[in-house]
PDB file of N, CA and C in Angstrom:
ATOM      1  N   MET A   1     -33.522  81.396-121.940  1.00  0.00           N
ATOM      2  CA  MET A   1     -33.784  81.478-120.512  1.00  0.00           C
ATOM      3  C   MET A   1     -33.945  80.072-119.952  1.00  0.00           C
ATOM      4  N   ALA A   2     -33.525  79.896-118.720  1.00  0.00           N
ATOM      5  CA  ALA A   2     -33.574  78.580-118.089  1.00  0.00           C
ATOM      6  C   ALA A   2     -35.010  78.177-117.767  1.00  0.00           C
ATOM      7  N   ASN A   3     -35.297  76.913-117.983  1.00  0.00           N
ATOM      8  CA  ASN A   3     -36.635  76.403-117.723  1.00  0.00           C
ATOM      9  C   ASN A   3     -36.702  75.505-116.488  1.00  0.00           C
ATOM     10  N   HIS A   4     -35.561  75.108-115.965  1.00  0.00           N
ATOM     11  CA  HIS A   4     -35.526  74.207-114.812  1.00  0.00           C
ATOM     12  C   HIS A   4     -34.856  74.895-113.634  1.00  0.00           C
ATOM     13  N   LYS A   5     -35.249  74.447-112.439  1.00  0.00           N
ATOM     14  CA  LYS A   5     -34.643  75.028-111.237  1.00  0.00           C
ATOM     15  C   LYS A   5     -33.136  74.833-111.224  1.00  0.00           C
ATOM     16  N   SER A   6     -32.694  73.645-111.632  1.00  0.00           N
ATOM     17  CA  SER A   6     -31.265  73.358-111.616  1.00  0.00           C
ATOM     18  C   SER A   6     -30.507  74.251-112.594  1.00  0.00           C
ATOM     19  N   ALA A   7     -31.124  74.532-113.743  1.00  0.00           N
ATOM     20  CA  ALA A   7     -30.487  75.402-114.728  1.00  0.00           C
ATOM     21  C   ALA A   7     -30.403  76.838-114.201  1.00  0.00           C
ATOM     22  N   GLU A   8     -31.437  77.277-113.490  1.00  0.00           N
ATOM     23  CA  GLU A   8     -31.419  78.615-112.892  1.00  0.00           C
ATOM     24  C   GLU A   8     -30.314  78.718-111.851  1.00  0.00           C
ATOM     25  N   LYS A   9     -30.161  77.656-111.070  1.00  0.00           N
ATOM     26  CA  LYS A   9     -29.113  77.637-110.049  1.00  0.00           C
ATOM     27  C   LYS A   9     -27.734  77.682-110.707  1.00  0.00           C
ATOM     28  N   ARG A  10     -27.555  76.936-111.792  1.00  0.00           N
ATOM     29  CA  ARG A  10     -26.269  76.938-112.492  1.00  0.00           C
ATOM     30  C   ARG A  10     -25.945  78.330-113.020  1.00  0.00           C
ATOM     31  N   ILE A  11     -26.951  79.053-113.477  1.00  0.00           N
ATOM     32  CA  ILE A  11     -26.728  80.417-113.960  1.00  0.00           C
ATOM     33  C   ILE A  11     -26.247  81.306-112.817  1.00  0.00           C
ATOM     34  N   ARG A  12     -26.906  81.177-111.657  1.00  0.00           N
ATOM     35  CA  ARG A  12     -26.489  81.966-110.484  1.00  0.00           C
ATOM     36  C   ARG A  12     -25.062  81.620-110.084  1.00  0.00           C
ATOM     37  N   GLN A  13     -24.736  80.344-110.080  1.00  0.00           N
ATOM     38  CA  GLN A  13     -23.387  79.907-109.704  1.00  0.00           C
ATOM     39  C   GLN A  13     -22.348  80.438-110.682  1.00  0.00           C
ATOM     40  N   THR A  14     -22.670  80.389-111.954  1.00  0.00           N
ATOM     41  CA  THR A  14     -21.750  80.866-112.981  1.00  0.00           C
ATOM     42  C   THR A  14     -21.465  82.353-112.812  1.00  0.00           C
ATOM     43  N   LEU A  15     -22.489  83.134-112.523  1.00  0.00           N
ATOM     44  CA  LEU A  15     -22.292  84.571-112.319  1.00  0.00           C
ATOM     45  C   LEU A  15     -21.390  84.836-111.121  1.00  0.00           C
ATOM     46  N   LYS A  16     -21.624  84.121-110.024  1.00  0.00           N
ATOM     47  CA  LYS A  16     -20.788  84.287-108.830  1.00  0.00           C
ATOM     48  C   LYS A  16     -19.335  83.935-109.123  1.00  0.00           C
ATOM     49  N   ARG A  17     -19.142  82.800-109.786  1.00  0.00           N
ATOM     50  CA  ARG A  17     -17.785  82.346-110.083  1.00  0.00           C
ATOM     51  C   ARG A  17     -17.081  83.284-111.047  1.00  0.00           C
ATOM     52  N   THR A  18     -17.821  83.817-112.005  1.00  0.00           N
ATOM     53  CA  THR A  18     -17.239  84.744-112.966  1.00  0.00           C
ATOM     54  C   THR A  18     -16.730  85.994-112.264  1.00  0.00           C
ATOM     55  N   GLN A  19     -17.537  86.528-111.350  1.00  0.00           N
ATOM     56  CA  GLN A  19     -17.109  87.721-110.602  1.00  0.00           C
ATOM     57  C   GLN A  19     -15.885  87.411-109.750  1.00  0.00           C
ATOM     58  N   ARG A  20     -15.911  86.264-109.088  1.00  0.00           N
ATOM     59  CA  ARG A  20     -14.801  85.865-108.220  1.00  0.00           C
ATOM     60  C   ARG A  20     -13.527  85.692-109.034  1.00  0.00           C
ATOM     61  N   ASN A  21     -13.624  84.994-110.162  1.00  0.00           N
ATOM     62  CA  ASN A  21     -12.454  84.758-110.996  1.00  0.00           C
ATOM     63  C   ASN A  21     -11.907  86.053-111.573  1.00  0.00           C
ATOM     64  N   ARG A  22     -12.794  86.953-111.965  1.00  0.00           N
ATOM     65  CA  ARG A  22     -12.363  88.234-112.514  1.00  0.00           C
ATOM     66  C   ARG A  22     -11.599  89.037-111.463  1.00  0.00           C
ATOM     67  N   PHE A  23     -12.099  89.033-110.224  1.00  0.00           N
ATOM     68  CA  PHE A  23     -11.427  89.742-109.134  1.00  0.00           C
ATOM     69  C   PHE A  23     -10.017  89.201-108.917  1.00  0.00           C
ATOM     70  N   TYR A  24      -9.888  87.892-108.813  1.00  0.00           N
ATOM     71  CA  TYR A  24      -8.580  87.300-108.534  1.00  0.00           C
ATOM     72  C   TYR A  24      -7.630  87.424-109.717  1.00  0.00           C
ATOM     73  N   LYS A  25      -8.145  87.305-110.923  1.00  0.00           N
ATOM     74  CA  LYS A  25      -7.316  87.442-112.116  1.00  0.00           C
ATOM     75  C   LYS A  25      -6.700  88.838-112.167  1.00  0.00           C
ATOM     76  N   THR A  26      -7.522  89.844-111.894  1.00  0.00           N
ATOM     77  CA  THR A  26      -7.050  91.233-111.884  1.00  0.00           C
ATOM     78  C   THR A  26      -6.041  91.440-110.760  1.00  0.00           C
ATOM     79  N   ARG A  27      -6.327  90.867-109.596  1.00  0.00           N
ATOM     80  CA  ARG A  27      -5.430  91.006-108.441  1.00  0.00           C
ATOM     81  C   ARG A  27      -4.058  90.411-108.754  1.00  0.00           C
ATOM     82  N   ILE A  28      -4.038  89.252-109.383  1.00  0.00           N
ATOM     83  CA  ILE A  28      -2.777  88.592-109.736  1.00  0.00           C
ATOM     84  C   ILE A  28      -1.989  89.458-110.715  1.00  0.00           C
ATOM     85  N   LYS A  29      -2.670  90.004-111.714  1.00  0.00           N
ATOM     86  CA  LYS A  29      -2.000  90.859-112.690  1.00  0.00           C
ATOM     87  C   LYS A  29      -1.400  92.093-112.018  1.00  0.00           C
ATOM     88  N   ASN A  30      -2.143  92.695-111.076  1.00  0.00           N
ATOM     89  CA  ASN A  30      -1.652  93.891-110.399  1.00  0.00           C
ATOM     90  C   ASN A  30      -0.457  93.591-109.504  1.00  0.00           C
ATOM     91  N   ILE A  31      -0.465  92.435-108.858  1.00  0.00           N
ATOM     92  CA  ILE A  31       0.657  92.037-108.004  1.00  0.00           C
ATOM     93  C   ILE A  31       1.924  91.901-108.842  1.00  0.00           C
ATOM     94  N   ILE A  32       1.807  91.214-109.966  1.00  0.00           N
ATOM     95  CA  ILE A  32       2.964  90.993-110.842  1.00  0.00           C
ATOM     96  C   ILE A  32       3.416  92.315-111.459  1.00  0.00           C
ATOM     97  N   LYS A  33       2.461  93.151-111.817  1.00  0.00           N
ATOM     98  CA  LYS A  33       2.768  94.453-112.414  1.00  0.00           C
ATOM     99  C   LYS A  33       3.557  95.332-111.439  1.00  0.00           C
ATOM    100  N   ALA A  34       3.221  95.264-110.153  1.00  0.00           N
ATOM    101  CA  ALA A  34       3.924  96.065-109.145  1.00  0.00           C
ATOM    102  C   ALA A  34       5.394  95.673-109.068  1.00  0.00           C
ATOM    103  N   VAL A  35       5.666  94.380-109.135  1.00  0.00           N
ATOM    104  CA  VAL A  35       7.054  93.914-109.089  1.00  0.00           C
ATOM    105  C   VAL A  35       7.789  94.358-110.345  1.00  0.00           C
ATOM    106  N   ARG A  36       7.159  94.193-111.496  1.00  0.00           N
ATOM    107  CA  ARG A  36       7.814  94.562-112.759  1.00  0.00           C
ATOM    108  C   ARG A  36       8.082  96.061-112.847  1.00  0.00           C
ATOM    109  N   GLU A  37       7.167  96.867-112.309  1.00  0.00           N
ATOM    110  CA  GLU A  37       7.382  98.320-112.320  1.00  0.00           C
ATOM    111  C   GLU A  37       8.558  98.697-111.423  1.00  0.00           C
ATOM    112  N   ALA A  38       8.667  98.025-110.278  1.00  0.00           N
ATOM    113  CA  ALA A  38       9.796  98.284-109.382  1.00  0.00           C
ATOM    114  C   ALA A  38      11.109  97.886-110.051  1.00  0.00           C
ATOM    115  N   ILE A  39      11.093  96.798-110.793  1.00  0.00           N
ATOM    116  CA  ILE A  39      12.292  96.351-111.512  1.00  0.00           C
ATOM    117  C   ILE A  39      12.658  97.348-112.599  1.00  0.00           C
ATOM    118  N   SER A  40      11.662  97.810-113.342  1.00  0.00           N
ATOM    119  CA  SER A  40      11.939  98.742-114.437  1.00  0.00           C
ATOM    120  C   SER A  40      12.424 100.102-113.933  1.00  0.00           C
ATOM    121  N   SER A  41      12.064 100.454-112.697  1.00  0.00           N
ATOM    122  CA  SER A  41      12.543 101.714-112.134  1.00  0.00           C
ATOM    123  C   SER A  41      13.899 101.559-111.446  1.00  0.00           C
ATOM    124  N   ASN A  42      14.485 100.360-111.527  1.00  0.00           N
ATOM    125  CA  ASN A  42      15.814 100.056-110.957  1.00  0.00           C
ATOM    126  C   ASN A  42      15.885 100.303-109.454  1.00  0.00           C
ATOM    127  N   ASP A  43      14.796 100.063-108.764  1.00  0.00           N
ATOM    128  CA  ASP A  43      14.751 100.226-107.309  1.00  0.00           C
ATOM    129  C   ASP A  43      14.767  98.840-106.657  1.00  0.00           C
ATOM    130  N   VAL A  44      15.950  98.434-106.170  1.00  0.00           N
ATOM    131  CA  VAL A  44      16.127  97.082-105.639  1.00  0.00           C
ATOM    132  C   VAL A  44      15.294  96.870-104.375  1.00  0.00           C
ATOM    133  N   ALA A  45      15.294  97.838-103.486  1.00  0.00           N
ATOM    134  CA  ALA A  45      14.553  97.695-102.231  1.00  0.00           C
ATOM    135  C   ALA A  45      13.047  97.572-102.490  1.00  0.00           C
ATOM    136  N   LYS A  46      12.555  98.425-103.366  1.00  0.00           N
ATOM    137  CA  LYS A  46      11.136  98.400-103.700  1.00  0.00           C
ATOM    138  C   LYS A  46      10.768  97.077-104.393  1.00  0.00           C
ATOM    139  N   ALA A  47      11.668  96.600-105.253  1.00  0.00           N
ATOM    140  CA  ALA A  47      11.432  95.334-105.963  1.00  0.00           C
ATOM    141  C   ALA A  47      11.391  94.168-104.983  1.00  0.00           C
ATOM    142  N   ASN A  48      12.293  94.171-104.002  1.00  0.00           N
ATOM    143  CA  ASN A  48      12.300  93.102-103.002  1.00  0.00           C
ATOM    144  C   ASN A  48      11.028  93.112-102.162  1.00  0.00           C
ATOM    145  N   ASP A  49      10.581  94.301-101.779  1.00  0.00           N
ATOM    146  CA  ASP A  49       9.334  94.400-101.006  1.00  0.00           C
ATOM    147  C   ASP A  49       8.140  93.898-101.815  1.00  0.00           C
ATOM    148  N   ALA A  50       8.083  94.311-103.078  1.00  0.00           N
ATOM    149  CA  ALA A  50       6.983  93.883-103.939  1.00  0.00           C
ATOM    150  C   ALA A  50       7.039  92.376-104.180  1.00  0.00           C
ATOM    151  N   LEU A  51       8.247  91.830-104.276  1.00  0.00           N
ATOM    152  CA  LEU A  51       8.410  90.391-104.470  1.00  0.00           C
ATOM    153  C   LEU A  51       7.924  89.615-103.254  1.00  0.00           C
ATOM    154  N   LYS A  52       8.213  90.116-102.064  1.00  0.00           N
ATOM    155  CA  LYS A  52       7.738  89.462-100.841  1.00  0.00           C
ATOM    156  C   LYS A  52       6.208  89.407-100.817  1.00  0.00           C
ATOM    157  N   ILE A  53       5.590  90.523-101.171  1.00  0.00           N
ATOM    158  CA  ILE A  53       4.121  90.584-101.203  1.00  0.00           C
ATOM    159  C   ILE A  53       3.578  89.628-102.263  1.00  0.00           C
ATOM    160  N   ALA A  54       4.228  89.606-103.429  1.00  0.00           N
ATOM    161  CA  ALA A  54       3.788  88.729-104.512  1.00  0.00           C
ATOM    162  C   ALA A  54       3.893  87.267-104.089  1.00  0.00           C
ATOM    163  N   ASN A  55       4.994  86.909-103.470  1.00  0.00           N
ATOM    164  CA  ASN A  55       5.203  85.531-103.030  1.00  0.00           C
ATOM    165  C   ASN A  55       4.117  85.116-102.041  1.00  0.00           C
ATOM    166  N   LYS A  56       3.873  85.972-101.069  1.00  0.00           N
ATOM    167  CA  LYS A  56       2.864  85.678-100.043  1.00  0.00           C
ATOM    168  C   LYS A  56       1.472  85.546-100.661  1.00  0.00           C
ATOM    169  N   ASP A  57       1.087  86.518-101.471  1.00  0.00           N
ATOM    170  CA  ASP A  57      -0.265  86.533-102.025  1.00  0.00           C
ATOM    171  C   ASP A  57      -0.500  85.397-103.021  1.00  0.00           C
ATOM    172  N   LEU A  58       0.470  85.146-103.894  1.00  0.00           N
ATOM    173  CA  LEU A  58       0.278  84.089-104.885  1.00  0.00           C
ATOM    174  C   LEU A  58       0.151  82.723-104.215  1.00  0.00           C
ATOM    175  N   HIS A  59       0.939  82.489-103.168  1.00  0.00           N
ATOM    176  CA  HIS A  59       0.822  81.214-102.471  1.00  0.00           C
ATOM    177  C   HIS A  59      -0.454  81.144-101.626  1.00  0.00           C
ATOM    178  N   LYS A  60      -0.950  82.297-101.197  1.00  0.00           N
ATOM    179  CA  LYS A  60      -2.240  82.321-100.504  1.00  0.00           C
ATOM    180  C   LYS A  60      -3.349  81.934-101.486  1.00  0.00           C
ATOM    181  N   PHE A  61      -3.235  82.378-102.723  1.00  0.00           N
ATOM    182  CA  PHE A  61      -4.222  82.020-103.738  1.00  0.00           C
ATOM    183  C   PHE A  61      -4.186  80.524-104.045  1.00  0.00           C
ATOM    184  N   VAL A  62      -3.018  79.907-103.879  1.00  0.00           N
ATOM    185  CA  VAL A  62      -2.921  78.459-104.061  1.00  0.00           C
ATOM    186  C   VAL A  62      -3.760  77.755-103.003  1.00  0.00           C
ATOM    187  N   SER A  63      -3.645  78.211-101.754  1.00  0.00           N
ATOM    188  CA  SER A  63      -4.392  77.561-100.681  1.00  0.00           C
ATOM    189  C   SER A  63      -5.899  77.770-100.824  1.00  0.00           C
ATOM    190  N   LYS A  64      -6.300  78.850-101.510  1.00  0.00           N
ATOM    191  CA  LYS A  64      -7.725  79.103-101.742  1.00  0.00           C
ATOM    192  C   LYS A  64      -8.238  78.391-102.990  1.00  0.00           C
ATOM    193  N   GLY A  65      -7.321  77.807-103.768  1.00  0.00           N
ATOM    194  CA  GLY A  65      -7.733  77.084-104.962  1.00  0.00           C
ATOM    195  C   GLY A  65      -7.855  77.955-106.195  1.00  0.00           C
ATOM    196  N   ILE A  66      -7.321  79.153-106.154  1.00  0.00           N
ATOM    197  CA  ILE A  66      -7.394  80.058-107.304  1.00  0.00           C
ATOM    198  C   ILE A  66      -6.340  79.680-108.341  1.00  0.00           C
ATOM    199  N   LEU A  67      -5.127  79.406-107.875  1.00  0.00           N
ATOM    200  CA  LEU A  67      -4.015  79.004-108.730  1.00  0.00           C
ATOM    201  C   LEU A  67      -3.566  77.599-108.349  1.00  0.00           C
ATOM    202  N   THR A  68      -2.906  76.934-109.294  1.00  0.00           N
ATOM    203  CA  THR A  68      -2.275  75.668-108.936  1.00  0.00           C
ATOM    204  C   THR A  68      -0.895  75.961-108.361  1.00  0.00           C
ATOM    205  N   LYS A  69      -0.376  75.003-107.635  1.00  0.00           N
ATOM    206  CA  LYS A  69       0.899  75.184-106.954  1.00  0.00           C
ATOM    207  C   LYS A  69       2.026  75.490-107.942  1.00  0.00           C
ATOM    208  N   ASN A  70       2.060  74.771-109.032  1.00  0.00           N
ATOM    209  CA  ASN A  70       3.142  74.965-110.007  1.00  0.00           C
ATOM    210  C   ASN A  70       3.049  76.323-110.705  1.00  0.00           C
ATOM    211  N   THR A  71       1.851  76.794-110.953  1.00  0.00           N
ATOM    212  CA  THR A  71       1.674  78.093-111.602  1.00  0.00           C
ATOM    213  C   THR A  71       2.200  79.207-110.710  1.00  0.00           C
ATOM    214  N   ALA A  72       1.838  79.156-109.444  1.00  0.00           N
ATOM    215  CA  ALA A  72       2.313  80.175-108.506  1.00  0.00           C
ATOM    216  C   ALA A  72       3.823  80.108-108.368  1.00  0.00           C
ATOM    217  N   ALA A  73       4.360  78.901-108.268  1.00  0.00           N
ATOM    218  CA  ALA A  73       5.809  78.735-108.128  1.00  0.00           C
ATOM    219  C   ALA A  73       6.533  79.276-109.353  1.00  0.00           C
ATOM    220  N   ARG A  74       5.977  79.028-110.533  1.00  0.00           N
ATOM    221  CA  ARG A  74       6.594  79.509-111.773  1.00  0.00           C
ATOM    222  C   ARG A  74       6.600  81.030-111.826  1.00  0.00           C
ATOM    223  N   LYS A  75       5.468  81.642-111.476  1.00  0.00           N
ATOM    224  CA  LYS A  75       5.370  83.105-111.511  1.00  0.00           C
ATOM    225  C   LYS A  75       6.345  83.739-110.518  1.00  0.00           C
ATOM    226  N   VAL A  76       6.387  83.204-109.300  1.00  0.00           N
ATOM    227  CA  VAL A  76       7.284  83.734-108.275  1.00  0.00           C
ATOM    228  C   VAL A  76       8.737  83.535-108.691  1.00  0.00           C
ATOM    229  N   SER A  77       9.037  82.376-109.260  1.00  0.00           N
ATOM    230  CA  SER A  77      10.403  82.078-109.681  1.00  0.00           C
ATOM    231  C   SER A  77      10.877  83.057-110.745  1.00  0.00           C
ATOM    232  N   ARG A  78      10.026  83.343-111.707  1.00  0.00           N
ATOM    233  CA  ARG A  78      10.411  84.272-112.777  1.00  0.00           C
ATOM    234  C   ARG A  78      10.589  85.692-112.250  1.00  0.00           C
ATOM    235  N   LEU A  79       9.725  86.086-111.330  1.00  0.00           N
ATOM    236  CA  LEU A  79       9.885  87.416-110.732  1.00  0.00           C
ATOM    237  C   LEU A  79      11.167  87.487-109.913  1.00  0.00           C
ATOM    238  N   ASN A  80      11.426  86.426-109.154  1.00  0.00           N
ATOM    239  CA  ASN A  80      12.633  86.366-108.321  1.00  0.00           C
ATOM    240  C   ASN A  80      13.888  86.437-109.182  1.00  0.00           C
ATOM    241  N   GLN A  81      13.855  85.763-110.303  1.00  0.00           N
ATOM    242  CA  GLN A  81      14.994  85.768-111.233  1.00  0.00           C
ATOM    243  C   GLN A  81      15.251  87.196-111.736  1.00  0.00           C
ATOM    244  N   SER A  82      14.196  87.920-112.059  1.00  0.00           N
ATOM    245  CA  SER A  82      14.331  89.292-112.535  1.00  0.00           C
ATOM    246  C   SER A  82      14.875  90.216-111.456  1.00  0.00           C
ATOM    247  N   VAL A  83      14.410  90.024-110.228  1.00  0.00           N
ATOM    248  CA  VAL A  83      14.882  90.862-109.121  1.00  0.00           C
ATOM    249  C   VAL A  83      16.357  90.588-108.840  1.00  0.00           C
ATOM    250  N   LYS A  84      16.764  89.337-108.922  1.00  0.00           N
ATOM    251  CA  LYS A  84      18.175  88.996-108.692  1.00  0.00           C
ATOM    252  C   LYS A  84      19.066  89.621-109.757  1.00  0.00           C
ATOM    253  N   LYS A  85      18.615  89.608-111.014  1.00  0.00           N
ATOM    254  CA  LYS A  85      19.378  90.240-112.093  1.00  0.00           C
ATOM    255  C   LYS A  85      19.565  91.725-111.808  1.00  0.00           C
ATOM    256  N   LEU A  86      18.502  92.354-111.323  1.00  0.00           N
ATOM    257  CA  LEU A  86      18.551  93.779-110.999  1.00  0.00           C
ATOM    258  C   LEU A  86      19.552  94.027-109.870  1.00  0.00           C
ATOM    259  N   ALA A  87      19.538  93.173-108.860  1.00  0.00           N
ATOM    260  CA  ALA A  87      20.428  93.339-107.716  1.00  0.00           C
ATOM    261  C   ALA A  87      21.883  93.169-108.122  1.00  0.00           C
ATOM    262  N   GLN A  88      22.165  92.272-109.072  1.00  0.00           N
ATOM    263  CA  GLN A  88      23.534  92.039-109.502  1.00  0.00           C
ATOM    264  C   GLN A  88      24.060  93.181-110.368  1.00  0.00           C
ATOM    265  N   ALA A  89      23.168  93.834-111.088  1.00  0.00           N
ATOM    266  CA  ALA A  89      23.593  94.895-112.010  1.00  0.00           C
ATOM    267  C   ALA A  89      23.998  96.156-111.296  1.00  0.00           C
TER     268      ALA A  89
END
């Protein structure tokens, strides 16, 4: 158990950050999962809609400091590549 005020504050901060990070981590996984499910169901229109949402949300997370710019760009790029393959097939 913490014995100093500063240590108690750090514990409170850690709990808040853990909850926040868990929420965003789950949200990111669900966004990507929605696009992949649309791709696996061979629905081009649904995949494009899900990709638009993924692009918007992932870049919004960059501005909030949740993801780095390159990470979001990489994730969106890979999803976009998969959707394009589906559209060509």
